[in-house]
Amino acid sequence: AEMIGSSASFRTLVSNLDKVTKSNGRVMLTGPAGSGKEVAARYI
């Protein structure tokens, strides 16, 4: 579940993921096919 990147949009994504890791809230990941939605889910 490695998150690789340093761009502004990537940092925004990781910041949002970090905010939900410790909660039990349901998360909906949206994005085009192949963009890494499952990797983001595994990161959570």
Full PDB file with SEQRES, HELIX, SHEET, SSBOND, CRYST1, ORIGX, SCALE, CONECT and MASTER records, all heavy atoms in Angstrom:
SEQRES   1 A   44  ALA GLU MET ILE GLY SER SER ALA SER PHE ARG THR LEU          
SEQRES   2 A   44  VAL SER ASN LEU ASP LYS VAL THR LYS SER ASN GLY ARG          
SEQRES   3 A   44  VAL MET LEU THR GLY PRO ALA GLY SER GLY LYS GLU VAL          
SEQRES   4 A   44  ALA ALA ARG TYR ILE                                          
HELIX    1 AA1 ALA A    8  VAL A   20  1                                  13    
HELIX    2 AA2 LYS A   37  TYR A   43  1                                   7    
CRYST1    1.000    1.000    1.000  90.00  90.00  90.00 P 1           1          
ORIGX1      1.000000  0.000000  0.000000        0.00000                         
ORIGX2      0.000000  1.000000  0.000000        0.00000                         
ORIGX3      0.000000  0.000000  1.000000        0.00000                         
SCALE1      1.000000  0.000000  0.000000        0.00000                         
SCALE2      0.000000  1.000000  0.000000        0.00000                         
SCALE3      0.000000  0.000000  1.000000        0.00000                         
ATOM      1  N   ALA A   1       0.847  -1.190   0.000  1.00  0.00           N  
ATOM      2  CA  ALA A   1       0.000   0.000   0.000  1.00  0.00           C  
ATOM      3  C   ALA A   1       0.881   1.238   0.000  1.00  0.00           C  
ATOM      4  O   ALA A   1       0.595   2.218   0.663  1.00  0.00           O  
ATOM      5  CB  ALA A   1      -0.916  -0.018   1.216  1.00  0.00           C  
ATOM      6  N   GLU A   2       1.989   1.151  -0.741  1.00  0.00           N  
ATOM      7  CA  GLU A   2       2.905   2.286  -0.789  1.00  0.00           C  
ATOM      8  C   GLU A   2       2.330   3.393  -1.654  1.00  0.00           C  
ATOM      9  O   GLU A   2       1.889   3.155  -2.775  1.00  0.00           O  
ATOM     10  CB  GLU A   2       4.269   1.854  -1.339  1.00  0.00           C  
ATOM     11  CG  GLU A   2       5.023   0.906  -0.431  1.00  0.00           C  
ATOM     12  CD  GLU A   2       6.385   0.563  -0.995  1.00  0.00           C  
ATOM     13  OE1 GLU A   2       7.313   1.376  -0.838  1.00  0.00           O  
ATOM     14  OE2 GLU A   2       6.512  -0.516  -1.604  1.00  0.00           O  
ATOM     15  N   MET A   3       2.364   4.584  -1.140  1.00  0.00           N  
ATOM     16  CA  MET A   3       1.918   5.760  -1.873  1.00  0.00           C  
ATOM     17  C   MET A   3       3.161   6.474  -2.387  1.00  0.00           C  
ATOM     18  O   MET A   3       3.993   6.928  -1.598  1.00  0.00           O  
ATOM     19  CB  MET A   3       1.089   6.665  -0.974  1.00  0.00           C  
ATOM     20  CG  MET A   3      -0.151   6.007  -0.388  1.00  0.00           C  
ATOM     21  SD  MET A   3      -1.400   5.604  -1.632  1.00  0.00           S  
ATOM     22  CE  MET A   3      -1.970   7.249  -2.055  1.00  0.00           C  
ATOM     23  N   ILE A   4       3.288   6.558  -3.696  1.00  0.00           N  
ATOM     24  CA  ILE A   4       4.497   7.100  -4.321  1.00  0.00           C  
ATOM     25  C   ILE A   4       4.168   8.411  -5.012  1.00  0.00           C  
ATOM     26  O   ILE A   4       3.274   8.469  -5.866  1.00  0.00           O  
ATOM     27  CB  ILE A   4       5.095   6.111  -5.347  1.00  0.00           C  
ATOM     28  CG1 ILE A   4       5.324   4.741  -4.696  1.00  0.00           C  
ATOM     29  CG2 ILE A   4       6.392   6.662  -5.935  1.00  0.00           C  
ATOM     30  CD1 ILE A   4       6.290   4.749  -3.553  1.00  0.00           C  
ATOM     31  N   GLY A   5       4.895   9.464  -4.679  1.00  0.00           N  
ATOM     32  CA  GLY A   5       4.697  10.745  -5.345  1.00  0.00           C  
ATOM     33  C   GLY A   5       5.061  11.907  -4.448  1.00  0.00           C  
ATOM     34  O   GLY A   5       5.284  11.742  -3.241  1.00  0.00           O  
ATOM     35  N   SER A   6       5.136  13.089  -5.049  1.00  0.00           N  
ATOM     36  CA  SER A   6       5.447  14.302  -4.291  1.00  0.00           C  
ATOM     37  C   SER A   6       4.764  15.531  -4.874  1.00  0.00           C  
ATOM     38  O   SER A   6       4.979  16.637  -4.398  1.00  0.00           O  
ATOM     39  CB  SER A   6       6.967  14.520  -4.248  1.00  0.00           C  
ATOM     40  OG  SER A   6       7.507  14.556  -5.572  1.00  0.00           O  
ATOM     41  N   SER A   7       3.948  15.357  -5.911  1.00  0.00           N  
ATOM     42  CA  SER A   7       3.263  16.487  -6.539  1.00  0.00           C  
ATOM     43  C   SER A   7       2.216  17.067  -5.597  1.00  0.00           C  
ATOM     44  O   SER A   7       1.832  16.446  -4.602  1.00  0.00           O  
ATOM     45  CB  SER A   7       2.595  16.045  -7.838  1.00  0.00           C  
ATOM     46  OG  SER A   7       1.565  15.096  -7.569  1.00  0.00           O  
ATOM     47  N   ALA A   8       1.748  18.257  -5.925  1.00  0.00           N  
ATOM     48  CA  ALA A   8       0.749  18.917  -5.084  1.00  0.00           C  
ATOM     49  C   ALA A   8      -0.539  18.107  -5.012  1.00  0.00           C  
ATOM     50  O   ALA A   8      -1.128  17.953  -3.932  1.00  0.00           O  
ATOM     51  CB  ALA A   8       0.472  20.319  -5.618  1.00  0.00           C  
ATOM     52  N   SER A   9      -0.993  17.580  -6.142  1.00  0.00           N  
ATOM     53  CA  SER A   9      -2.238  16.813  -6.132  1.00  0.00           C  
ATOM     54  C   SER A   9      -2.076  15.518  -5.342  1.00  0.00           C  
ATOM     55  O   SER A   9      -3.005  15.061  -4.661  1.00  0.00           O  
ATOM     56  CB  SER A   9      -2.692  16.506  -7.562  1.00  0.00           C  
ATOM     57  OG  SER A   9      -1.692  15.796  -8.265  1.00  0.00           O  
ATOM     58  N   PHE A  10      -0.867  14.914  -5.417  1.00  0.00           N  
ATOM     59  CA  PHE A  10      -0.614  13.697  -4.651  1.00  0.00           C  
ATOM     60  C   PHE A  10      -0.583  14.002  -3.155  1.00  0.00           C  
ATOM     61  O   PHE A  10      -1.141  13.247  -2.346  1.00  0.00           O  
ATOM     62  CB  PHE A  10       0.706  13.065  -5.087  1.00  0.00           C  
ATOM     63  CG  PHE A  10       1.111  11.875  -4.267  1.00  0.00           C  
ATOM     64  CD1 PHE A  10       0.563  10.633  -4.507  1.00  0.00           C  
ATOM     65  CD2 PHE A  10       2.032  12.002  -3.232  1.00  0.00           C  
ATOM     66  CE1 PHE A  10       0.914   9.531  -3.742  1.00  0.00           C  
ATOM     67  CE2 PHE A  10       2.399  10.913  -2.465  1.00  0.00           C  
ATOM     68  CZ  PHE A  10       1.836   9.679  -2.721  1.00  0.00           C  
ATOM     69  N   ARG A  11       0.048  15.097  -2.781  1.00  0.00           N  
ATOM     70  CA  ARG A  11       0.101  15.458  -1.358  1.00  0.00           C  
ATOM     71  C   ARG A  11      -1.299  15.738  -0.817  1.00  0.00           C  
ATOM     72  O   ARG A  11      -1.608  15.408   0.337  1.00  0.00           O  
ATOM     73  CB  ARG A  11       1.012  16.671  -1.157  1.00  0.00           C  
ATOM     74  CG  ARG A  11       2.485  16.402  -1.437  1.00  0.00           C  
ATOM     75  CD  ARG A  11       3.364  17.501  -0.850  1.00  0.00           C  
ATOM     76  NE  ARG A  11       3.013  18.825  -1.348  1.00  0.00           N  
ATOM     77  CZ  ARG A  11       3.518  19.384  -2.441  1.00  0.00           C  
ATOM     78  NH1 ARG A  11       4.396  18.694  -3.184  1.00  0.00           N  
ATOM     79  NH2 ARG A  11       3.164  20.595  -2.817  1.00  0.00           N  
ATOM     80  N   THR A  12      -2.142  16.339  -1.637  1.00  0.00           N  
ATOM     81  CA  THR A  12      -3.530  16.564  -1.228  1.00  0.00           C  
ATOM     82  C   THR A  12      -4.247  15.243  -0.986  1.00  0.00           C  
ATOM     83  O   THR A  12      -4.982  15.083  -0.007  1.00  0.00           O  
ATOM     84  CB  THR A  12      -4.279  17.383  -2.290  1.00  0.00           C  
ATOM     85  OG1 THR A  12      -3.649  18.655  -2.433  1.00  0.00           O  
ATOM     86  CG2 THR A  12      -5.734  17.581  -1.915  1.00  0.00           C  
ATOM     87  N   LEU A  13      -4.029  14.278  -1.884  1.00  0.00           N  
ATOM     88  CA  LEU A  13      -4.646  12.954  -1.733  1.00  0.00           C  
ATOM     89  C   LEU A  13      -4.206  12.296  -0.431  1.00  0.00           C  
ATOM     90  O   LEU A  13      -5.041  11.817   0.351  1.00  0.00           O  
ATOM     91  CB  LEU A  13      -4.265  12.063  -2.927  1.00  0.00           C  
ATOM     92  CG  LEU A  13      -4.607  10.575  -2.784  1.00  0.00           C  
ATOM     93  CD1 LEU A  13      -6.107  10.362  -2.670  1.00  0.00           C  
ATOM     94  CD2 LEU A  13      -4.027   9.777  -3.956  1.00  0.00           C  
ATOM     95  N   VAL A  14      -2.912  12.255  -0.178  1.00  0.00           N  
ATOM     96  CA  VAL A  14      -2.402  11.594   1.022  1.00  0.00           C  
ATOM     97  C   VAL A  14      -2.901  12.300   2.282  1.00  0.00           C  
ATOM     98  O   VAL A  14      -3.251  11.657   3.276  1.00  0.00           O  
ATOM     99  CB  VAL A  14      -0.862  11.542   0.999  1.00  0.00           C  
ATOM    100  CG1 VAL A  14      -0.318  10.998   2.324  1.00  0.00           C  
ATOM    101  CG2 VAL A  14      -0.384  10.664  -0.147  1.00  0.00           C  
ATOM    102  N   SER A  15      -2.964  13.618   2.232  1.00  0.00           N  
ATOM    103  CA  SER A  15      -3.486  14.369   3.379  1.00  0.00           C  
ATOM    104  C   SER A  15      -4.926  13.971   3.679  1.00  0.00           C  
ATOM    105  O   SER A  15      -5.300  13.770   4.845  1.00  0.00           O  
ATOM    106  CB  SER A  15      -3.396  15.874   3.099  1.00  0.00           C  
ATOM    107  OG  SER A  15      -3.993  16.617   4.133  1.00  0.00           O  
ATOM    108  N   ASN A  16      -5.732  13.830   2.639  1.00  0.00           N  
ATOM    109  CA  ASN A  16      -7.123  13.427   2.830  1.00  0.00           C  
ATOM    110  C   ASN A  16      -7.220  11.989   3.354  1.00  0.00           C  
ATOM    111  O   ASN A  16      -8.064  11.680   4.209  1.00  0.00           O  
ATOM    112  CB  ASN A  16      -7.899  13.563   1.525  1.00  0.00           C  
ATOM    113  CG  ASN A  16      -8.143  15.007   1.131  1.00  0.00           C  
ATOM    114  OD1 ASN A  16      -8.208  15.887   1.991  1.00  0.00           O  
ATOM    115  ND2 ASN A  16      -8.274  15.269  -0.158  1.00  0.00           N  
ATOM    116  N   LEU A  17      -6.363  11.106   2.840  1.00  0.00           N  
ATOM    117  CA  LEU A  17      -6.381   9.717   3.312  1.00  0.00           C  
ATOM    118  C   LEU A  17      -5.971   9.636   4.779  1.00  0.00           C  
ATOM    119  O   LEU A  17      -6.562   8.881   5.555  1.00  0.00           O  
ATOM    120  CB  LEU A  17      -5.441   8.864   2.457  1.00  0.00           C  
ATOM    121  CG  LEU A  17      -5.815   8.687   0.982  1.00  0.00           C  
ATOM    122  CD1 LEU A  17      -4.751   7.873   0.261  1.00  0.00           C  
ATOM    123  CD2 LEU A  17      -7.171   8.023   0.824  1.00  0.00           C  
ATOM    124  N   ASP A  18      -4.968  10.418   5.159  1.00  0.00           N  
ATOM    125  CA  ASP A  18      -4.515  10.392   6.553  1.00  0.00           C  
ATOM    126  C   ASP A  18      -5.615  10.842   7.512  1.00  0.00           C  
ATOM    127  O   ASP A  18      -5.671  10.390   8.659  1.00  0.00           O  
ATOM    128  CB  ASP A  18      -3.283  11.290   6.726  1.00  0.00           C  
ATOM    129  CG  ASP A  18      -2.017  10.671   6.140  1.00  0.00           C  
ATOM    130  OD1 ASP A  18      -1.996   9.430   5.980  1.00  0.00           O  
ATOM    131  OD2 ASP A  18      -1.068  11.410   5.834  1.00  0.00           O  
ATOM    132  N   LYS A  19      -6.478  11.717   7.040  1.00  0.00           N  
ATOM    133  CA  LYS A  19      -7.548  12.224   7.908  1.00  0.00           C  
ATOM    134  C   LYS A  19      -8.599  11.156   8.223  1.00  0.00           C  
ATOM    135  O   LYS A  19      -9.305  11.265   9.231  1.00  0.00           O  
ATOM    136  CB  LYS A  19      -8.231  13.426   7.253  1.00  0.00           C  
ATOM    137  CG  LYS A  19      -7.339  14.663   7.167  1.00  0.00           C  
ATOM    138  CD  LYS A  19      -8.026  15.772   6.385  1.00  0.00           C  
ATOM    139  CE  LYS A  19      -7.105  16.979   6.239  1.00  0.00           C  
ATOM    140  NZ  LYS A  19      -7.714  18.048   5.398  1.00  0.00           N  
ATOM    141  N   VAL A  20      -8.711  10.142   7.365  1.00  0.00           N  
ATOM    142  CA  VAL A  20      -9.763   9.138   7.573  1.00  0.00           C  
ATOM    143  C   VAL A  20      -9.236   7.809   8.102  1.00  0.00           C  
ATOM    144  O   VAL A  20     -10.024   6.916   8.405  1.00  0.00           O  
ATOM    145  CB  VAL A  20     -10.552   8.873   6.269  1.00  0.00           C  
ATOM    146  CG1 VAL A  20     -11.175  10.154   5.760  1.00  0.00           C  
ATOM    147  CG2 VAL A  20      -9.662   8.252   5.193  1.00  0.00           C  
ATOM    148  N   THR A  21      -7.908   7.667   8.239  1.00  0.00           N  
ATOM    149  CA  THR A  21      -7.383   6.356   8.631  1.00  0.00           C  
ATOM    150  C   THR A  21      -7.841   5.942  10.027  1.00  0.00           C  
ATOM    151  O   THR A  21      -8.137   4.769  10.265  1.00  0.00           O  
ATOM    152  CB  THR A  21      -5.844   6.346   8.578  1.00  0.00           C  
ATOM    153  OG1 THR A  21      -5.335   7.441   9.352  1.00  0.00           O  
ATOM    154  CG2 THR A  21      -5.355   6.463   7.154  1.00  0.00           C  
ATOM    155  N   LYS A  22      -7.895   6.870  10.959  1.00  0.00           N  
ATOM    156  CA  LYS A  22      -8.184   6.503  12.344  1.00  0.00           C  
ATOM    157  C   LYS A  22      -9.668   6.477  12.672  1.00  0.00           C  
ATOM    158  O   LYS A  22     -10.055   6.088  13.773  1.00  0.00           O  
ATOM    159  CB  LYS A  22      -7.473   7.468  13.296  1.00  0.00           C  
ATOM    160  CG  LYS A  22      -5.961   7.513  13.119  1.00  0.00           C  
ATOM    161  CD  LYS A  22      -5.331   6.117  13.169  1.00  0.00           C  
ATOM    162  CE  LYS A  22      -3.830   6.181  12.962  1.00  0.00           C  
ATOM    163  NZ  LYS A  22      -3.232   4.823  12.888  1.00  0.00           N  
ATOM    164  N   SER A  23     -10.492   6.879  11.737  1.00  0.00           N  
ATOM    165  CA  SER A  23     -11.933   6.836  11.984  1.00  0.00           C  
ATOM    166  C   SER A  23     -12.489   5.513  11.471  1.00  0.00           C  
ATOM    167  O   SER A  23     -11.760   4.679  10.943  1.00  0.00           O  
ATOM    168  CB  SER A  23     -12.636   7.998  11.277  1.00  0.00           C  
ATOM    169  OG  SER A  23     -12.711   7.755   9.878  1.00  0.00           O  
ATOM    170  N   ASN A  24     -13.781   5.335  11.636  1.00  0.00           N  
ATOM    171  CA  ASN A  24     -14.436   4.141  11.096  1.00  0.00           C  
ATOM    172  C   ASN A  24     -15.423   4.521  10.007  1.00  0.00           C  
ATOM    173  O   ASN A  24     -16.272   3.729   9.608  1.00  0.00           O  
ATOM    174  CB  ASN A  24     -15.160   3.382  12.218  1.00  0.00           C  
ATOM    175  CG  ASN A  24     -15.337   1.909  11.903  1.00  0.00           C  
ATOM    176  OD1 ASN A  24     -14.452   1.273  11.351  1.00  0.00           O  
ATOM    177  ND2 ASN A  24     -16.484   1.353  12.251  1.00  0.00           N  
ATOM    178  N   GLY A  25     -15.324   5.781   9.532  1.00  0.00           N  
ATOM    179  CA  GLY A  25     -16.256   6.282   8.534  1.00  0.00           C  
ATOM    180  C   GLY A  25     -16.094   5.613   7.178  1.00  0.00           C  
ATOM    181  O   GLY A  25     -15.002   5.195   6.803  1.00  0.00           O  
ATOM    182  N   ARG A  26     -17.187   5.523   6.455  1.00  0.00           N  
ATOM    183  CA  ARG A  26     -17.156   4.938   5.115  1.00  0.00           C  
ATOM    184  C   ARG A  26     -16.572   5.947   4.131  1.00  0.00           C  
ATOM    185  O   ARG A  26     -16.896   7.122   4.169  1.00  0.00           O  
ATOM    186  CB  ARG A  26     -18.562   4.515   4.686  1.00  0.00           C  
ATOM    187  CG  ARG A  26     -19.179   3.506   5.652  1.00  0.00           C  
ATOM    188  CD  ARG A  26     -20.538   3.013   5.183  1.00  0.00           C  
ATOM    189  NE  ARG A  26     -21.197   2.310   6.285  1.00  0.00           N  
ATOM    190  CZ  ARG A  26     -22.241   2.772   6.947  1.00  0.00           C  
ATOM    191  NH1 ARG A  26     -22.792   3.918   6.580  1.00  0.00           N  
ATOM    192  NH2 ARG A  26     -22.758   2.100   7.947  1.00  0.00           N  
ATOM    193  N   VAL A  27     -15.738   5.451   3.232  1.00  0.00           N  
ATOM    194  CA  VAL A  27     -15.018   6.303   2.290  1.00  0.00           C  
ATOM    195  C   VAL A  27     -15.383   5.904   0.867  1.00  0.00           C  
ATOM    196  O   VAL A  27     -15.442   4.716   0.541  1.00  0.00           O  
ATOM    197  CB  VAL A  27     -13.488   6.180   2.491  1.00  0.00           C  
ATOM    198  CG1 VAL A  27     -12.739   7.025   1.469  1.00  0.00           C  
ATOM    199  CG2 VAL A  27     -13.106   6.590   3.903  1.00  0.00           C  
ATOM    200  N   MET A  28     -15.630   6.903   0.021  1.00  0.00           N  
ATOM    201  CA  MET A  28     -15.868   6.665  -1.396  1.00  0.00           C  
ATOM    202  C   MET A  28     -14.708   7.277  -2.181  1.00  0.00           C  
ATOM    203  O   MET A  28     -14.494   8.489  -2.158  1.00  0.00           O  
ATOM    204  CB  MET A  28     -17.187   7.296  -1.842  1.00  0.00           C  
ATOM    205  CG  MET A  28     -17.451   7.202  -3.343  1.00  0.00           C  
ATOM    206  SD  MET A  28     -17.859   5.529  -3.909  1.00  0.00           S  
ATOM    207  CE  MET A  28     -19.548   5.390  -3.295  1.00  0.00           C  
ATOM    208  N   LEU A  29     -13.939   6.431  -2.879  1.00  0.00           N  
ATOM    209  CA  LEU A  29     -12.818   6.876  -3.691  1.00  0.00           C  
ATOM    210  C   LEU A  29     -13.276   6.988  -5.138  1.00  0.00           C  
ATOM    211  O   LEU A  29     -13.789   6.029  -5.716  1.00  0.00           O  
ATOM    212  CB  LEU A  29     -11.659   5.881  -3.593  1.00  0.00           C  
ATOM    213  CG  LEU A  29     -11.107   5.641  -2.180  1.00  0.00           C  
ATOM    214  CD1 LEU A  29     -10.182   4.428  -2.175  1.00  0.00           C  
ATOM    215  CD2 LEU A  29     -10.373   6.869  -1.676  1.00  0.00           C  
ATOM    216  N   THR A  30     -13.099   8.171  -5.733  1.00  0.00           N  
ATOM    217  CA  THR A  30     -13.486   8.369  -7.131  1.00  0.00           C  
ATOM    218  C   THR A  30     -12.261   8.745  -7.937  1.00  0.00           C  
ATOM    219  O   THR A  30     -11.383   9.468  -7.471  1.00  0.00           O  
ATOM    220  CB  THR A  30     -14.544   9.478  -7.260  1.00  0.00           C  
ATOM    221  OG1 THR A  30     -14.022  10.701  -6.723  1.00  0.00           O  
ATOM    222  CG2 THR A  30     -15.812   9.112  -6.509  1.00  0.00           C  
ATOM    223  N   GLY A  31     -12.225   8.252  -9.158  1.00  0.00           N  
ATOM    224  CA  GLY A  31     -11.105   8.540 -10.040  1.00  0.00           C  
ATOM    225  C   GLY A  31     -11.138   7.600 -11.219  1.00  0.00           C  
ATOM    226  O   GLY A  31     -11.808   6.564 -11.189  1.00  0.00           O  
ATOM    227  N   PRO A  32     -10.407   7.916 -12.295  1.00  0.00           N  
ATOM    228  CA  PRO A  32     -10.435   7.079 -13.493  1.00  0.00           C  
ATOM    229  C   PRO A  32      -9.796   5.718 -13.260  1.00  0.00           C  
ATOM    230  O   PRO A  32      -9.040   5.528 -12.295  1.00  0.00           O  
ATOM    231  CB  PRO A  32      -9.638   7.908 -14.510  1.00  0.00           C  
ATOM    232  CG  PRO A  32      -8.752   8.777 -13.681  1.00  0.00           C  
ATOM    233  CD  PRO A  32      -9.535   9.092 -12.452  1.00  0.00           C  
ATOM    234  N   ALA A  33     -10.104   4.778 -14.127  1.00  0.00           N  
ATOM    235  CA  ALA A  33      -9.552   3.429 -14.028  1.00  0.00           C  
ATOM    236  C   ALA A  33      -8.034   3.478 -14.082  1.00  0.00           C  
ATOM    237  O   ALA A  33      -7.448   4.184 -14.897  1.00  0.00           O  
ATOM    238  CB  ALA A  33     -10.093   2.555 -15.160  1.00  0.00           C  
ATOM    239  N   GLY A  34      -7.398   2.716 -13.188  1.00  0.00           N  
ATOM    240  CA  GLY A  34      -5.951   2.637 -13.181  1.00  0.00           C  
ATOM    241  C   GLY A  34      -5.255   3.736 -12.419  1.00  0.00           C  
ATOM    242  O   GLY A  34      -4.018   3.789 -12.394  1.00  0.00           O  
ATOM    243  N   SER A  35      -6.005   4.610 -11.757  1.00  0.00           N  
ATOM    244  CA  SER A  35      -5.386   5.746 -11.070  1.00  0.00           C  
ATOM    245  C   SER A  35      -4.841   5.385  -9.692  1.00  0.00           C  
ATOM    246  O   SER A  35      -4.110   6.177  -9.093  1.00  0.00           O  
ATOM    247  CB  SER A  35      -6.398   6.895 -10.943  1.00  0.00           C  
ATOM    248  OG  SER A  35      -7.565   6.476 -10.247  1.00  0.00           O  
ATOM    249  N   GLY A  36      -5.179   4.206  -9.175  1.00  0.00           N  
ATOM    250  CA  GLY A  36      -4.644   3.781  -7.890  1.00  0.00           C  
ATOM    251  C   GLY A  36      -5.637   3.823  -6.758  1.00  0.00           C  
ATOM    252  O   GLY A  36      -5.251   4.000  -5.594  1.00  0.00           O  
ATOM    253  N   LYS A  37      -6.918   3.621  -7.045  1.00  0.00           N  
ATOM    254  CA  LYS A  37      -7.930   3.689  -5.988  1.00  0.00           C  
ATOM    255  C   LYS A  37      -7.763   2.548  -4.987  1.00  0.00           C  
ATOM    256  O   LYS A  37      -7.930   2.752  -3.783  1.00  0.00           O  
ATOM    257  CB  LYS A  37      -9.330   3.666  -6.617  1.00  0.00           C  
ATOM    258  CG  LYS A  37      -9.625   4.866  -7.525  1.00  0.00           C  
ATOM    259  CD  LYS A  37     -11.069   4.912  -7.966  1.00  0.00           C  
ATOM    260  CE  LYS A  37     -11.438   3.804  -8.934  1.00  0.00           C  
ATOM    261  NZ  LYS A  37     -10.722   3.899 -10.227  1.00  0.00           N  
ATOM    262  N   GLU A  38      -7.421   1.351  -5.466  1.00  0.00           N  
ATOM    263  CA  GLU A  38      -7.249   0.243  -4.524  1.00  0.00           C  
ATOM    264  C   GLU A  38      -6.013   0.451  -3.647  1.00  0.00           C  
ATOM    265  O   GLU A  38      -6.022   0.112  -2.457  1.00  0.00           O  
ATOM    266  CB  GLU A  38      -7.144  -1.097  -5.256  1.00  0.00           C  
ATOM    267  CG  GLU A  38      -7.040  -2.272  -4.294  1.00  0.00           C  
ATOM    268  CD  GLU A  38      -7.197  -3.633  -4.946  1.00  0.00           C  
ATOM    269  OE1 GLU A  38      -7.658  -3.689  -6.103  1.00  0.00           O  
ATOM    270  OE2 GLU A  38      -6.852  -4.630  -4.292  1.00  0.00           O  
ATOM    271  N   VAL A  39      -4.950   1.005  -4.219  1.00  0.00           N  
ATOM    272  CA  VAL A  39      -3.766   1.309  -3.411  1.00  0.00           C  
ATOM    273  C   VAL A  39      -4.127   2.304  -2.312  1.00  0.00           C  
ATOM    274  O   VAL A  39      -3.687   2.183  -1.163  1.00  0.00           O  
ATOM    275  CB  VAL A  39      -2.630   1.868  -4.292  1.00  0.00           C  
ATOM    276  CG1 VAL A  39      -1.450   2.311  -3.434  1.00  0.00           C  
ATOM    277  CG2 VAL A  39      -2.172   0.825  -5.294  1.00  0.00           C  
ATOM    278  N   ALA A  40      -4.957   3.293  -2.648  1.00  0.00           N  
ATOM    279  CA  ALA A  40      -5.402   4.268  -1.647  1.00  0.00           C  
ATOM    280  C   ALA A  40      -6.221   3.579  -0.558  1.00  0.00           C  
ATOM    281  O   ALA A  40      -6.080   3.882   0.631  1.00  0.00           O  
ATOM    282  CB  ALA A  40      -6.220   5.370  -2.317  1.00  0.00           C  
ATOM    283  N   ALA A  41      -7.086   2.640  -0.954  1.00  0.00           N  
ATOM    284  CA  ALA A  41      -7.899   1.912   0.032  1.00  0.00           C  
ATOM    285  C   ALA A  41      -7.006   1.079   0.949  1.00  0.00           C  
ATOM    286  O   ALA A  41      -7.225   1.015   2.171  1.00  0.00           O  
ATOM    287  CB  ALA A  41      -8.917   1.020  -0.679  1.00  0.00           C  
ATOM    288  N   ARG A  42      -5.999   0.442   0.388  1.00  0.00           N  
ATOM    289  CA  ARG A  42      -5.084  -0.362   1.195  1.00  0.00           C  
ATOM    290  C   ARG A  42      -4.244   0.526   2.124  1.00  0.00           C  
ATOM    291  O   ARG A  42      -3.853   0.103   3.219  1.00  0.00           O  
ATOM    292  CB  ARG A  42      -4.179  -1.203   0.297  1.00  0.00           C  
ATOM    293  CG  ARG A  42      -4.928  -2.317  -0.434  1.00  0.00           C  
ATOM    294  CD  ARG A  42      -4.000  -3.165  -1.279  1.00  0.00           C  
ATOM    295  NE  ARG A  42      -4.745  -4.182  -2.011  1.00  0.00           N  
ATOM    296  CZ  ARG A  42      -5.123  -5.346  -1.505  1.00  0.00           C  
ATOM    297  NH1 ARG A  42      -4.829  -5.646  -0.249  1.00  0.00           N  
ATOM    298  NH2 ARG A  42      -5.797  -6.212  -2.235  1.00  0.00           N  
ATOM    299  N   TYR A  43      -3.955   1.731   1.682  1.00  0.00           N  
ATOM    300  CA  TYR A  43      -3.224   2.672   2.530  1.00  0.00           C  
ATOM    301  C   TYR A  43      -4.055   3.008   3.770  1.00  0.00           C  
ATOM    302  O   TYR A  43      -3.533   3.066   4.881  1.00  0.00           O  
ATOM    303  CB  TYR A  43      -2.903   3.936   1.731  1.00  0.00           C  
ATOM    304  CG  TYR A  43      -2.175   5.006   2.515  1.00  0.00           C  
ATOM    305  CD1 TYR A  43      -0.785   4.994   2.633  1.00  0.00           C  
ATOM    306  CD2 TYR A  43      -2.882   6.034   3.142  1.00  0.00           C  
ATOM    307  CE1 TYR A  43      -0.113   5.970   3.362  1.00  0.00           C  
ATOM    308  CE2 TYR A  43      -2.216   7.022   3.868  1.00  0.00           C  
ATOM    309  CZ  TYR A  43      -0.838   6.984   3.965  1.00  0.00           C  
ATOM    310  OH  TYR A  43      -0.189   7.956   4.691  1.00  0.00           O  
ATOM    311  N   ILE A  44      -5.355   3.241   3.566  1.00  0.00           N  
ATOM    312  CA  ILE A  44      -6.244   3.499   4.700  1.00  0.00           C  
ATOM    313  C   ILE A  44      -6.213   2.316   5.660  1.00  0.00           C  
ATOM    314  O   ILE A  44      -6.073   2.470   6.878  1.00  0.00           O  
ATOM    315  CB  ILE A  44      -7.684   3.770   4.224  1.00  0.00           C  
ATOM    316  CG1 ILE A  44      -7.739   5.061   3.389  1.00  0.00           C  
ATOM    317  CG2 ILE A  44      -8.633   3.872   5.417  1.00  0.00           C  
ATOM    318  CD1 ILE A  44      -9.095   5.305   2.741  1.00  0.00           C  
TER     319      ILE A  44                                                      
MASTER        0    0    0    2    0    0    0    6  318    1    0    4          
END                                                                             
